[in-house]
Amino acid sequence: MRQTLLWFLEHGLQVPARNPRGETFWKRPVYRAMHRMLTSPIYGGAYTCRKTEQLVRYVGGKPRHLCRRKPREHCLALILGAHEGYVTWEEFERIASAIWENTLDAGAVKNG
């Protein structure tokens, strides 16, 4: 993820974003946006429905509302090939797997 972000920044590329009115504009990429883009099934040409869940955690007696992505098998719908993806579904799965493994490896280094 970091290398992809650095490549975008080095080449002065921008990514689409939306403002609160729903209008699309282009801006300098940030890590979170790149991660969301590359791990979204849309990137691989798939349609998903209800892929997130709302959670409430209490921290210091105060509720904190969180939105978390569900595991793929818990989505209401996952339709492969629903539209043309930026990459094939197989390539998307490979990329998502590499991102996940790198995240796990980074956690092991920090904790190890």
PDB file of N, CA and C in Angstrom:
ATOM      1  N   MET A   1       0.823  -1.182   0.000  1.00  0.00           N
ATOM      2  CA  MET A   1       0.000   0.000   0.000  1.00  0.00           C
ATOM      3  C   MET A   1       0.876   1.257   0.000  1.00  0.00           C
ATOM      4  N   ARG A   2       1.851   1.253   0.864  1.00  0.00           N
ATOM      5  CA  ARG A   2       2.692   2.438   0.994  1.00  0.00           C
ATOM      6  C   ARG A   2       3.415   2.746  -0.317  1.00  0.00           C
ATOM      7  N   GLN A   3       3.940   1.708  -0.969  1.00  0.00           N
ATOM      8  CA  GLN A   3       4.657   1.923  -2.224  1.00  0.00           C
ATOM      9  C   GLN A   3       3.723   2.446  -3.325  1.00  0.00           C
ATOM     10  N   THR A   4       2.502   1.945  -3.339  1.00  0.00           N
ATOM     11  CA  THR A   4       1.525   2.425  -4.322  1.00  0.00           C
ATOM     12  C   THR A   4       1.236   3.898  -4.077  1.00  0.00           C
ATOM     13  N   LEU A   5       1.004   4.246  -2.826  1.00  0.00           N
ATOM     14  CA  LEU A   5       0.745   5.641  -2.476  1.00  0.00           C
ATOM     15  C   LEU A   5       1.935   6.521  -2.868  1.00  0.00           C
ATOM     16  N   LEU A   6       3.138   6.086  -2.544  1.00  0.00           N
ATOM     17  CA  LEU A   6       4.330   6.873  -2.884  1.00  0.00           C
ATOM     18  C   LEU A   6       4.476   7.038  -4.391  1.00  0.00           C
ATOM     19  N   TRP A   7       4.133   6.002  -5.169  1.00  0.00           N
ATOM     20  CA  TRP A   7       4.217   6.084  -6.622  1.00  0.00           C
ATOM     21  C   TRP A   7       3.231   7.136  -7.146  1.00  0.00           C
ATOM     22  N   PHE A   8       1.999   7.111  -6.643  1.00  0.00           N
ATOM     23  CA  PHE A   8       1.001   8.107  -7.041  1.00  0.00           C
ATOM     24  C   PHE A   8       1.497   9.516  -6.726  1.00  0.00           C
ATOM     25  N   LEU A   9       2.038   9.701  -5.526  1.00  0.00           N
ATOM     26  CA  LEU A   9       2.519  11.018  -5.110  1.00  0.00           C
ATOM     27  C   LEU A   9       3.709  11.472  -5.957  1.00  0.00           C
ATOM     28  N   GLU A  10       4.632  10.547  -6.224  1.00  0.00           N
ATOM     29  CA  GLU A  10       5.821  10.868  -7.016  1.00  0.00           C
ATOM     30  C   GLU A  10       5.449  11.326  -8.422  1.00  0.00           C
ATOM     31  N   HIS A  11       4.396  10.725  -8.986  1.00  0.00           N
ATOM     32  CA  HIS A  11       3.981  11.061 -10.347  1.00  0.00           C
ATOM     33  C   HIS A  11       2.906  12.152 -10.397  1.00  0.00           C
ATOM     34  N   GLY A  12       2.578  12.712  -9.249  1.00  0.00           N
ATOM     35  CA  GLY A  12       1.612  13.803  -9.199  1.00  0.00           C
ATOM     36  C   GLY A  12       0.206  13.402  -9.597  1.00  0.00           C
ATOM     37  N   LEU A  13      -0.141  12.126  -9.403  1.00  0.00           N
ATOM     38  CA  LEU A  13      -1.473  11.651  -9.784  1.00  0.00           C
ATOM     39  C   LEU A  13      -2.483  11.939  -8.688  1.00  0.00           C
ATOM     40  N   GLN A  14      -3.715  12.136  -9.096  1.00  0.00           N
ATOM     41  CA  GLN A  14      -4.789  12.385  -8.155  1.00  0.00           C
ATOM     42  C   GLN A  14      -5.817  11.265  -8.237  1.00  0.00           C
ATOM     43  N   VAL A  15      -6.655  11.171  -7.206  1.00  0.00           N
ATOM     44  CA  VAL A  15      -7.710  10.152  -7.151  1.00  0.00           C
ATOM     45  C   VAL A  15      -9.055  10.856  -6.966  1.00  0.00           C
ATOM     46  N   PRO A  16     -10.138  10.199  -7.418  1.00  0.00           N
ATOM     47  CA  PRO A  16     -11.451  10.825  -7.245  1.00  0.00           C
ATOM     48  C   PRO A  16     -11.904  10.774  -5.792  1.00  0.00           C
ATOM     49  N   ALA A  17     -12.643  11.788  -5.396  1.00  0.00           N
ATOM     50  CA  ALA A  17     -13.224  11.866  -4.053  1.00  0.00           C
ATOM     51  C   ALA A  17     -14.577  12.556  -4.195  1.00  0.00           C
ATOM     52  N   ARG A  18     -15.375  12.472  -3.134  1.00  0.00           N
ATOM     53  CA  ARG A  18     -16.684  13.134  -3.149  1.00  0.00           C
ATOM     54  C   ARG A  18     -16.784  14.085  -1.976  1.00  0.00           C
ATOM     55  N   ASN A  19     -17.411  15.211  -2.233  1.00  0.00           N
ATOM     56  CA  ASN A  19     -17.660  16.158  -1.147  1.00  0.00           C
ATOM     57  C   ASN A  19     -19.003  15.825  -0.496  1.00  0.00           C
ATOM     58  N   PRO A  20     -19.385  16.504   0.588  1.00  0.00           N
ATOM     59  CA  PRO A  20     -20.643  16.188   1.274  1.00  0.00           C
ATOM     60  C   PRO A  20     -21.893  16.304   0.390  1.00  0.00           C
ATOM     61  N   ARG A  21     -21.821  17.087  -0.687  1.00  0.00           N
ATOM     62  CA  ARG A  21     -22.966  17.214  -1.604  1.00  0.00           C
ATOM     63  C   ARG A  21     -23.008  16.090  -2.636  1.00  0.00           C
ATOM     64  N   GLY A  22     -22.028  15.172  -2.587  1.00  0.00           N
ATOM     65  CA  GLY A  22     -21.998  14.051  -3.519  1.00  0.00           C
ATOM     66  C   GLY A  22     -21.322  14.356  -4.839  1.00  0.00           C
ATOM     67  N   GLU A  23     -20.711  15.516  -4.954  1.00  0.00           N
ATOM     68  CA  GLU A  23     -20.024  15.898  -6.187  1.00  0.00           C
ATOM     69  C   GLU A  23     -18.629  15.278  -6.205  1.00  0.00           C
ATOM     70  N   THR A  24     -18.227  14.794  -7.361  1.00  0.00           N
ATOM     71  CA  THR A  24     -16.908  14.181  -7.506  1.00  0.00           C
ATOM     72  C   THR A  24     -15.877  15.246  -7.846  1.00  0.00           C
ATOM     73  N   PHE A  25     -14.723  15.145  -7.214  1.00  0.00           N
ATOM     74  CA  PHE A  25     -13.596  16.012  -7.523  1.00  0.00           C
ATOM     75  C   PHE A  25     -12.320  15.194  -7.397  1.00  0.00           C
ATOM     76  N   TRP A  26     -11.213  15.720  -7.875  1.00  0.00           N
ATOM     77  CA  TRP A  26      -9.934  15.016  -7.840  1.00  0.00           C
ATOM     78  C   TRP A  26      -9.043  15.648  -6.790  1.00  0.00           C
ATOM     79  N   LYS A  27      -8.314  14.792  -6.052  1.00  0.00           N
ATOM     80  CA  LYS A  27      -7.431  15.307  -5.013  1.00  0.00           C
ATOM     81  C   LYS A  27      -6.205  14.410  -4.871  1.00  0.00           C
ATOM     82  N   ARG A  28      -5.239  14.924  -4.142  1.00  0.00           N
ATOM     83  CA  ARG A  28      -4.015  14.176  -3.846  1.00  0.00           C
ATOM     84  C   ARG A  28      -4.394  12.955  -2.995  1.00  0.00           C
ATOM     85  N   PRO A  29      -3.872  11.779  -3.326  1.00  0.00           N
ATOM     86  CA  PRO A  29      -4.250  10.585  -2.570  1.00  0.00           C
ATOM     87  C   PRO A  29      -3.657  10.559  -1.162  1.00  0.00           C
ATOM     88  N   VAL A  30      -4.394   9.901  -0.268  1.00  0.00           N
ATOM     89  CA  VAL A  30      -3.916   9.641   1.084  1.00  0.00           C
ATOM     90  C   VAL A  30      -4.002   8.129   1.295  1.00  0.00           C
ATOM     91  N   TYR A  31      -3.290   7.637   2.306  1.00  0.00           N
ATOM     92  CA  TYR A  31      -3.199   6.190   2.526  1.00  0.00           C
ATOM     93  C   TYR A  31      -4.575   5.538   2.642  1.00  0.00           C
ATOM     94  N   ARG A  32      -5.439   6.118   3.447  1.00  0.00           N
ATOM     95  CA  ARG A  32      -6.754   5.505   3.681  1.00  0.00           C
ATOM     96  C   ARG A  32      -7.566   5.373   2.388  1.00  0.00           C
ATOM     97  N   ALA A  33      -7.530   6.398   1.555  1.00  0.00           N
ATOM     98  CA  ALA A  33      -8.271   6.352   0.292  1.00  0.00           C
ATOM     99  C   ALA A  33      -7.701   5.285  -0.646  1.00  0.00           C
ATOM    100  N   MET A  34      -6.371   5.179  -0.700  1.00  0.00           N
ATOM    101  CA  MET A  34      -5.753   4.163  -1.550  1.00  0.00           C
ATOM    102  C   MET A  34      -6.118   2.762  -1.053  1.00  0.00           C
ATOM    103  N   HIS A  35      -6.098   2.567   0.255  1.00  0.00           N
ATOM    104  CA  HIS A  35      -6.438   1.265   0.820  1.00  0.00           C
ATOM    105  C   HIS A  35      -7.885   0.915   0.500  1.00  0.00           C
ATOM    106  N   ARG A  36      -8.781   1.873   0.697  1.00  0.00           N
ATOM    107  CA  ARG A  36     -10.204   1.641   0.422  1.00  0.00           C
ATOM    108  C   ARG A  36     -10.415   1.307  -1.053  1.00  0.00           C
ATOM    109  N   MET A  37      -9.706   2.007  -1.946  1.00  0.00           N
ATOM    110  CA  MET A  37      -9.865   1.779  -3.378  1.00  0.00           C
ATOM    111  C   MET A  37      -9.357   0.388  -3.777  1.00  0.00           C
ATOM    112  N   LEU A  38      -8.170   0.024  -3.335  1.00  0.00           N
ATOM    113  CA  LEU A  38      -7.561  -1.235  -3.772  1.00  0.00           C
ATOM    114  C   LEU A  38      -8.166  -2.473  -3.120  1.00  0.00           C
ATOM    115  N   THR A  39      -8.866  -2.306  -2.003  1.00  0.00           N
ATOM    116  CA  THR A  39      -9.478  -3.463  -1.348  1.00  0.00           C
ATOM    117  C   THR A  39     -10.986  -3.544  -1.584  1.00  0.00           C
ATOM    118  N   SER A  40     -11.521  -2.618  -2.371  1.00  0.00           N
ATOM    119  CA  SER A  40     -12.950  -2.645  -2.690  1.00  0.00           C
ATOM    120  C   SER A  40     -13.214  -3.637  -3.821  1.00  0.00           C
ATOM    121  N   PRO A  41     -14.227  -4.497  -3.687  1.00  0.00           N
ATOM    122  CA  PRO A  41     -14.555  -5.441  -4.764  1.00  0.00           C
ATOM    123  C   PRO A  41     -14.871  -4.757  -6.094  1.00  0.00           C
ATOM    124  N   ILE A  42     -15.259  -3.499  -6.056  1.00  0.00           N
ATOM    125  CA  ILE A  42     -15.525  -2.751  -7.294  1.00  0.00           C
ATOM    126  C   ILE A  42     -14.284  -2.740  -8.169  1.00  0.00           C
ATOM    127  N   TYR A  43     -13.113  -2.651  -7.554  1.00  0.00           N
ATOM    128  CA  TYR A  43     -11.835  -2.631  -8.264  1.00  0.00           C
ATOM    129  C   TYR A  43     -11.673  -3.879  -9.138  1.00  0.00           C
ATOM    130  N   GLY A  44     -12.236  -5.001  -8.682  1.00  0.00           N
ATOM    131  CA  GLY A  44     -12.158  -6.257  -9.425  1.00  0.00           C
ATOM    132  C   GLY A  44     -13.405  -6.567 -10.248  1.00  0.00           C
ATOM    133  N   GLY A  45     -14.302  -5.589 -10.404  1.00  0.00           N
ATOM    134  CA  GLY A  45     -15.474  -5.794 -11.254  1.00  0.00           C
ATOM    135  C   GLY A  45     -16.654  -6.461 -10.577  1.00  0.00           C
ATOM    136  N   ALA A  46     -16.695  -6.486  -9.246  1.00  0.00           N
ATOM    137  CA  ALA A  46     -17.776  -7.162  -8.536  1.00  0.00           C
ATOM    138  C   ALA A  46     -18.723  -6.148  -7.887  1.00  0.00           C
ATOM    139  N   TYR A  47     -19.970  -6.553  -7.757  1.00  0.00           N
ATOM    140  CA  TYR A  47     -20.973  -5.771  -7.039  1.00  0.00           C
ATOM    141  C   TYR A  47     -21.167  -6.407  -5.675  1.00  0.00           C
ATOM    142  N   THR A  48     -21.193  -5.602  -4.631  1.00  0.00           N
ATOM    143  CA  THR A  48     -21.473  -6.122  -3.297  1.00  0.00           C
ATOM    144  C   THR A  48     -22.581  -5.287  -2.668  1.00  0.00           C
ATOM    145  N   CYS A  49     -23.312  -5.918  -1.794  1.00  0.00           N
ATOM    146  CA  CYS A  49     -24.393  -5.241  -1.088  1.00  0.00           C
ATOM    147  C   CYS A  49     -24.284  -5.573   0.389  1.00  0.00           C
ATOM    148  N   ARG A  50     -24.448  -4.570   1.211  1.00  0.00           N
ATOM    149  CA  ARG A  50     -24.363  -4.702   2.668  1.00  0.00           C
ATOM    150  C   ARG A  50     -23.035  -5.322   3.091  1.00  0.00           C
ATOM    151  N   LYS A  51     -21.978  -4.647   2.687  1.00  0.00           N
ATOM    152  CA  LYS A  51     -20.643  -5.153   3.015  1.00  0.00           C
ATOM    153  C   LYS A  51     -20.076  -4.550   4.288  1.00  0.00           C
ATOM    154  N   THR A  52     -20.828  -3.641   4.930  1.00  0.00           N
ATOM    155  CA  THR A  52     -20.369  -3.063   6.187  1.00  0.00           C
ATOM    156  C   THR A  52     -21.409  -3.275   7.275  1.00  0.00           C
ATOM    157  N   GLU A  53     -20.967  -3.154   8.518  1.00  0.00           N
ATOM    158  CA  GLU A  53     -21.881  -3.258   9.648  1.00  0.00           C
ATOM    159  C   GLU A  53     -21.571  -2.140  10.633  1.00  0.00           C
ATOM    160  N   GLN A  54     -22.601  -1.687  11.314  1.00  0.00           N
ATOM    161  CA  GLN A  54     -22.460  -0.631  12.312  1.00  0.00           C
ATOM    162  C   GLN A  54     -22.291  -1.273  13.687  1.00  0.00           C
ATOM    163  N   LEU A  55     -21.299  -0.837  14.429  1.00  0.00           N
ATOM    164  CA  LEU A  55     -21.035  -1.366  15.764  1.00  0.00           C
ATOM    165  C   LEU A  55     -21.002  -0.224  16.771  1.00  0.00           C
ATOM    166  N   VAL A  56     -21.356  -0.527  17.994  1.00  0.00           N
ATOM    167  CA  VAL A  56     -21.250   0.450  19.077  1.00  0.00           C
ATOM    168  C   VAL A  56     -20.345  -0.148  20.144  1.00  0.00           C
ATOM    169  N   ARG A  57     -19.299   0.591  20.489  1.00  0.00           N
ATOM    170  CA  ARG A  57     -18.407   0.200  21.579  1.00  0.00           C
ATOM    171  C   ARG A  57     -18.461   1.290  22.626  1.00  0.00           C
ATOM    172  N   TYR A  58     -18.290   0.911  23.857  1.00  0.00           N
ATOM    173  CA  TYR A  58     -18.298   1.892  24.937  1.00  0.00           C
ATOM    174  C   TYR A  58     -16.879   2.083  25.432  1.00  0.00           C
ATOM    175  N   VAL A  59     -16.425   3.320  25.379  1.00  0.00           N
ATOM    176  CA  VAL A  59     -15.086   3.685  25.836  1.00  0.00           C
ATOM    177  C   VAL A  59     -15.261   4.751  26.910  1.00  0.00           C
ATOM    178  N   GLY A  60     -14.851   4.416  28.122  1.00  0.00           N
ATOM    179  CA  GLY A  60     -15.017   5.352  29.223  1.00  0.00           C
ATOM    180  C   GLY A  60     -16.477   5.675  29.503  1.00  0.00           C
ATOM    181  N   GLY A  61     -17.352   4.703  29.263  1.00  0.00           N
ATOM    182  CA  GLY A  61     -18.775   4.898  29.502  1.00  0.00           C
ATOM    183  C   GLY A  61     -19.510   5.644  28.402  1.00  0.00           C
ATOM    184  N   LYS A  62     -18.785   6.067  27.352  1.00  0.00           N
ATOM    185  CA  LYS A  62     -19.409   6.801  26.257  1.00  0.00           C
ATOM    186  C   LYS A  62     -19.452   5.921  25.010  1.00  0.00           C
ATOM    187  N   PRO A  63     -20.574   5.951  24.286  1.00  0.00           N
ATOM    188  CA  PRO A  63     -20.672   5.112  23.086  1.00  0.00           C
ATOM    189  C   PRO A  63     -19.822   5.664  21.950  1.00  0.00           C
ATOM    190  N   ARG A  64     -19.151   4.751  21.260  1.00  0.00           N
ATOM    191  CA  ARG A  64     -18.417   5.087  20.030  1.00  0.00           C
ATOM    192  C   ARG A  64     -19.003   4.259  18.916  1.00  0.00           C
ATOM    193  N   HIS A  65     -19.426   4.924  17.866  1.00  0.00           N
ATOM    194  CA  HIS A  65     -20.025   4.236  16.727  1.00  0.00           C
ATOM    195  C   HIS A  65     -18.938   3.943  15.703  1.00  0.00           C
ATOM    196  N   LEU A  66     -18.872   2.692  15.270  1.00  0.00           N
ATOM    197  CA  LEU A  66     -17.869   2.254  14.311  1.00  0.00           C
ATOM    198  C   LEU A  66     -18.549   1.626  13.107  1.00  0.00           C
ATOM    199  N   CYS A  67     -17.947   1.804  11.964  1.00  0.00           N
ATOM    200  CA  CYS A  67     -18.405   1.138  10.753  1.00  0.00           C
ATOM    201  C   CYS A  67     -17.281   0.192  10.348  1.00  0.00           C
ATOM    202  N   ARG A  68     -17.585  -1.091  10.225  1.00  0.00           N
ATOM    203  CA  ARG A  68     -16.567  -2.096   9.931  1.00  0.00           C
ATOM    204  C   ARG A  68     -16.978  -2.908   8.719  1.00  0.00           C
ATOM    205  N   ARG A  69     -16.009  -3.222   7.871  1.00  0.00           N
ATOM    206  CA  ARG A  69     -16.278  -4.053   6.709  1.00  0.00           C
ATOM    207  C   ARG A  69     -16.471  -5.497   7.143  1.00  0.00           C
ATOM    208  N   LYS A  70     -17.528  -6.125   6.648  1.00  0.00           N
ATOM    209  CA  LYS A  70     -17.814  -7.524   6.975  1.00  0.00           C
ATOM    210  C   LYS A  70     -16.923  -8.445   6.147  1.00  0.00           C
ATOM    211  N   PRO A  71     -16.684  -9.650   6.633  1.00  0.00           N
ATOM    212  CA  PRO A  71     -16.011 -10.639   5.788  1.00  0.00           C
ATOM    213  C   PRO A  71     -16.876 -10.895   4.543  1.00  0.00           C
ATOM    214  N   ARG A  72     -16.242 -11.162   3.440  1.00  0.00           N
ATOM    215  CA  ARG A  72     -16.949 -11.319   2.168  1.00  0.00           C
ATOM    216  C   ARG A  72     -18.098 -12.326   2.240  1.00  0.00           C
ATOM    217  N   GLU A  73     -17.904 -13.412   2.984  1.00  0.00           N
ATOM    218  CA  GLU A  73     -18.953 -14.445   3.057  1.00  0.00           C
ATOM    219  C   GLU A  73     -20.195 -13.982   3.810  1.00  0.00           C
ATOM    220  N   HIS A  74     -20.119 -12.845   4.509  1.00  0.00           N
ATOM    221  CA  HIS A  74     -21.276 -12.331   5.244  1.00  0.00           C
ATOM    222  C   HIS A  74     -21.988 -11.190   4.521  1.00  0.00           C
ATOM    223  N   CYS A  75     -21.541 -10.835   3.323  1.00  0.00           N
ATOM    224  CA  CYS A  75     -22.228  -9.808   2.534  1.00  0.00           C
ATOM    225  C   CYS A  75     -23.565 -10.364   2.062  1.00  0.00           C
ATOM    226  N   LEU A  76     -24.543  -9.483   1.905  1.00  0.00           N
ATOM    227  CA  LEU A  76     -25.843  -9.910   1.410  1.00  0.00           C
ATOM    228  C   LEU A  76     -25.721 -10.424  -0.025  1.00  0.00           C
ATOM    229  N   ALA A  77     -24.907  -9.738  -0.834  1.00  0.00           N
ATOM    230  CA  ALA A  77     -24.724 -10.138  -2.233  1.00  0.00           C
ATOM    231  C   ALA A  77     -23.290  -9.874  -2.658  1.00  0.00           C
ATOM    232  N   LEU A  78     -22.769 -10.752  -3.476  1.00  0.00           N
ATOM    233  CA  LEU A  78     -21.474 -10.576  -4.123  1.00  0.00           C
ATOM    234  C   LEU A  78     -21.634 -11.133  -5.525  1.00  0.00           C
ATOM    235  N   ILE A  79     -21.657 -10.249  -6.506  1.00  0.00           N
ATOM    236  CA  ILE A  79     -21.875 -10.658  -7.895  1.00  0.00           C
ATOM    237  C   ILE A  79     -20.602 -10.361  -8.675  1.00  0.00           C
ATOM    238  N   LEU A  80     -19.871 -11.419  -9.008  1.00  0.00           N
ATOM    239  CA  LEU A  80     -18.632 -11.265  -9.772  1.00  0.00           C
ATOM    240  C   LEU A  80     -18.964 -10.936 -11.216  1.00  0.00           C
ATOM    241  N   GLY A  81     -18.132 -10.114 -11.850  1.00  0.00           N
ATOM    242  CA  GLY A  81     -18.332  -9.763 -13.253  1.00  0.00           C
ATOM    243  C   GLY A  81     -19.538  -8.863 -13.493  1.00  0.00           C
ATOM    244  N   ALA A  82     -19.998  -8.157 -12.468  1.00  0.00           N
ATOM    245  CA  ALA A  82     -21.167  -7.279 -12.613  1.00  0.00           C
ATOM    246  C   ALA A  82     -20.864  -6.082 -13.515  1.00  0.00           C
ATOM    247  N   HIS A  83     -19.623  -5.704 -13.605  1.00  0.00           N
ATOM    248  CA  HIS A  83     -19.190  -4.605 -14.464  1.00  0.00           C
ATOM    249  C   HIS A  83     -17.712  -4.803 -14.761  1.00  0.00           C
ATOM    250  N   GLU A  84     -17.201  -4.022 -15.675  1.00  0.00           N
ATOM    251  CA  GLU A  84     -15.790  -4.134 -16.015  1.00  0.00           C
ATOM    252  C   GLU A  84     -14.953  -3.586 -14.853  1.00  0.00           C
ATOM    253  N   GLY A  85     -14.037  -4.380 -14.368  1.00  0.00           N
ATOM    254  CA  GLY A  85     -13.173  -3.954 -13.272  1.00  0.00           C
ATOM    255  C   GLY A  85     -11.909  -3.312 -13.808  1.00  0.00           C
ATOM    256  N   TYR A  86     -11.169  -2.698 -12.928  1.00  0.00           N
ATOM    257  CA  TYR A  86      -9.875  -2.150 -13.313  1.00  0.00           C
ATOM    258  C   TYR A  86      -8.877  -3.281 -13.508  1.00  0.00           C
ATOM    259  N   VAL A  87      -9.086  -4.373 -12.755  1.00  0.00           N
ATOM    260  CA  VAL A  87      -8.275  -5.579 -12.883  1.00  0.00           C
ATOM    261  C   VAL A  87      -9.231  -6.772 -12.894  1.00  0.00           C
ATOM    262  N   THR A  88      -8.735  -7.942 -13.261  1.00  0.00           N
ATOM    263  CA  THR A  88      -9.580  -9.141 -13.213  1.00  0.00           C
ATOM    264  C   THR A  88      -9.858  -9.504 -11.757  1.00  0.00           C
ATOM    265  N   TRP A  89     -10.876 -10.340 -11.541  1.00  0.00           N
ATOM    266  CA  TRP A  89     -11.206 -10.747 -10.176  1.00  0.00           C
ATOM    267  C   TRP A  89     -10.043 -11.512  -9.556  1.00  0.00           C
ATOM    268  N   GLU A  90      -9.373 -12.341 -10.349  1.00  0.00           N
ATOM    269  CA  GLU A  90      -8.230 -13.109  -9.837  1.00  0.00           C
ATOM    270  C   GLU A  90      -7.104 -12.173  -9.400  1.00  0.00           C
ATOM    271  N   GLU A  91      -6.851 -11.127 -10.192  1.00  0.00           N
ATOM    272  CA  GLU A  91      -5.815 -10.159  -9.845  1.00  0.00           C
ATOM    273  C   GLU A  91      -6.217  -9.384  -8.588  1.00  0.00           C
ATOM    274  N   PHE A  92      -7.501  -9.027  -8.490  1.00  0.00           N
ATOM    275  CA  PHE A  92      -7.995  -8.348  -7.296  1.00  0.00           C
ATOM    276  C   PHE A  92      -7.761  -9.208  -6.060  1.00  0.00           C
ATOM    277  N   GLU A  93      -8.089 -10.491  -6.149  1.00  0.00           N
ATOM    278  CA  GLU A  93      -7.902 -11.401  -5.012  1.00  0.00           C
ATOM    279  C   GLU A  93      -6.423 -11.490  -4.627  1.00  0.00           C
ATOM    280  N   ARG A  94      -5.546 -11.518  -5.617  1.00  0.00           N
ATOM    281  CA  ARG A  94      -4.107 -11.576  -5.351  1.00  0.00           C
ATOM    282  C   ARG A  94      -3.644 -10.303  -4.648  1.00  0.00           C
ATOM    283  N   ILE A  95      -4.103  -9.152  -5.133  1.00  0.00           N
ATOM    284  CA  ILE A  95      -3.729  -7.867  -4.532  1.00  0.00           C
ATOM    285  C   ILE A  95      -4.252  -7.781  -3.102  1.00  0.00           C
ATOM    286  N   ALA A  96      -5.527  -8.118  -2.898  1.00  0.00           N
ATOM    287  CA  ALA A  96      -6.125  -8.052  -1.563  1.00  0.00           C
ATOM    288  C   ALA A  96      -5.404  -8.987  -0.598  1.00  0.00           C
ATOM    289  N   SER A  97      -5.031 -10.164  -1.080  1.00  0.00           N
ATOM    290  CA  SER A  97      -4.313 -11.122  -0.244  1.00  0.00           C
ATOM    291  C   SER A  97      -2.937 -10.571   0.144  1.00  0.00           C
ATOM    292  N   ALA A  98      -2.239  -9.965  -0.813  1.00  0.00           N
ATOM    293  CA  ALA A  98      -0.918  -9.395  -0.530  1.00  0.00           C
ATOM    294  C   ALA A  98      -1.027  -8.256   0.480  1.00  0.00           C
ATOM    295  N   ILE A  99      -2.057  -7.426   0.339  1.00  0.00           N
ATOM    296  CA  ILE A  99      -2.253  -6.327   1.288  1.00  0.00           C
ATOM    297  C   ILE A  99      -2.499  -6.885   2.682  1.00  0.00           C
ATOM    298  N   TRP A 100      -3.352  -7.894   2.773  1.00  0.00           N
ATOM    299  CA  TRP A 100      -3.665  -8.501   4.073  1.00  0.00           C
ATOM    300  C   TRP A 100      -2.417  -9.122   4.698  1.00  0.00           C
ATOM    301  N   GLU A 101      -1.650  -9.869   3.900  1.00  0.00           N
ATOM    302  CA  GLU A 101      -0.440 -10.505   4.421  1.00  0.00           C
ATOM    303  C   GLU A 101       0.592  -9.473   4.864  1.00  0.00           C
ATOM    304  N   ASN A 102       0.737  -8.398   4.104  1.00  0.00           N
ATOM    305  CA  ASN A 102       1.679  -7.348   4.489  1.00  0.00           C
ATOM    306  C   ASN A 102       1.238  -6.655   5.768  1.00  0.00           C
ATOM    307  N   THR A 103      -0.068  -6.498   5.951  1.00  0.00           N
ATOM    308  CA  THR A 103      -0.595  -5.896   7.172  1.00  0.00           C
ATOM    309  C   THR A 103      -0.289  -6.794   8.362  1.00  0.00           C
ATOM    310  N   LEU A 104      -0.490  -8.100   8.180  1.00  0.00           N
ATOM    311  CA  LEU A 104      -0.193  -9.043   9.260  1.00  0.00           C
ATOM    312  C   LEU A 104       1.293  -9.050   9.580  1.00  0.00           C
ATOM    313  N   ASP A 105       2.142  -9.033   8.538  1.00  0.00           N
ATOM    314  CA  ASP A 105       3.592  -9.024   8.752  1.00  0.00           C
ATOM    315  C   ASP A 105       4.023  -7.747   9.492  1.00  0.00           C
ATOM    316  N   ALA A 106       3.429  -6.613   9.135  1.00  0.00           N
ATOM    317  CA  ALA A 106       3.785  -5.349   9.788  1.00  0.00           C
ATOM    318  C   ALA A 106       3.410  -5.398  11.269  1.00  0.00           C
ATOM    319  N   GLY A 107       2.245  -6.014  11.569  1.00  0.00           N
ATOM    320  CA  GLY A 107       1.821  -6.149  12.965  1.00  0.00           C
ATOM    321  C   GLY A 107       2.772  -7.040  13.746  1.00  0.00           C
ATOM    322  N   ALA A 108       3.275  -8.095  13.096  1.00  0.00           N
ATOM    323  CA  ALA A 108       4.193  -9.018  13.767  1.00  0.00           C
ATOM    324  C   ALA A 108       5.517  -8.311  14.070  1.00  0.00           C
ATOM    325  N   VAL A 109       5.967  -7.445  13.144  1.00  0.00           N
ATOM    326  CA  VAL A 109       7.214  -6.730  13.353  1.00  0.00           C
ATOM    327  C   VAL A 109       7.066  -5.755  14.517  1.00  0.00           C
ATOM    328  N   LYS A 110       5.932  -5.036  14.570  1.00  0.00           N
ATOM    329  CA  LYS A 110       5.712  -4.074  15.641  1.00  0.00           C
ATOM    330  C   LYS A 110       5.631  -4.757  16.999  1.00  0.00           C
ATOM    331  N   ASN A 111       4.951  -5.916  17.029  1.00  0.00           N
ATOM    332  CA  ASN A 111       4.741  -6.618  18.289  1.00  0.00           C
ATOM    333  C   ASN A 111       5.896  -7.562  18.635  1.00  0.00           C
ATOM    334  N   GLY A 112       6.742  -7.855  17.669  1.00  0.00           N
ATOM    335  CA  GLY A 112       7.785  -8.836  17.885  1.00  0.00           C
ATOM    336  C   GLY A 112       8.998  -8.210  18.352  1.00  0.00           C
TER     337      GLY A 112
END
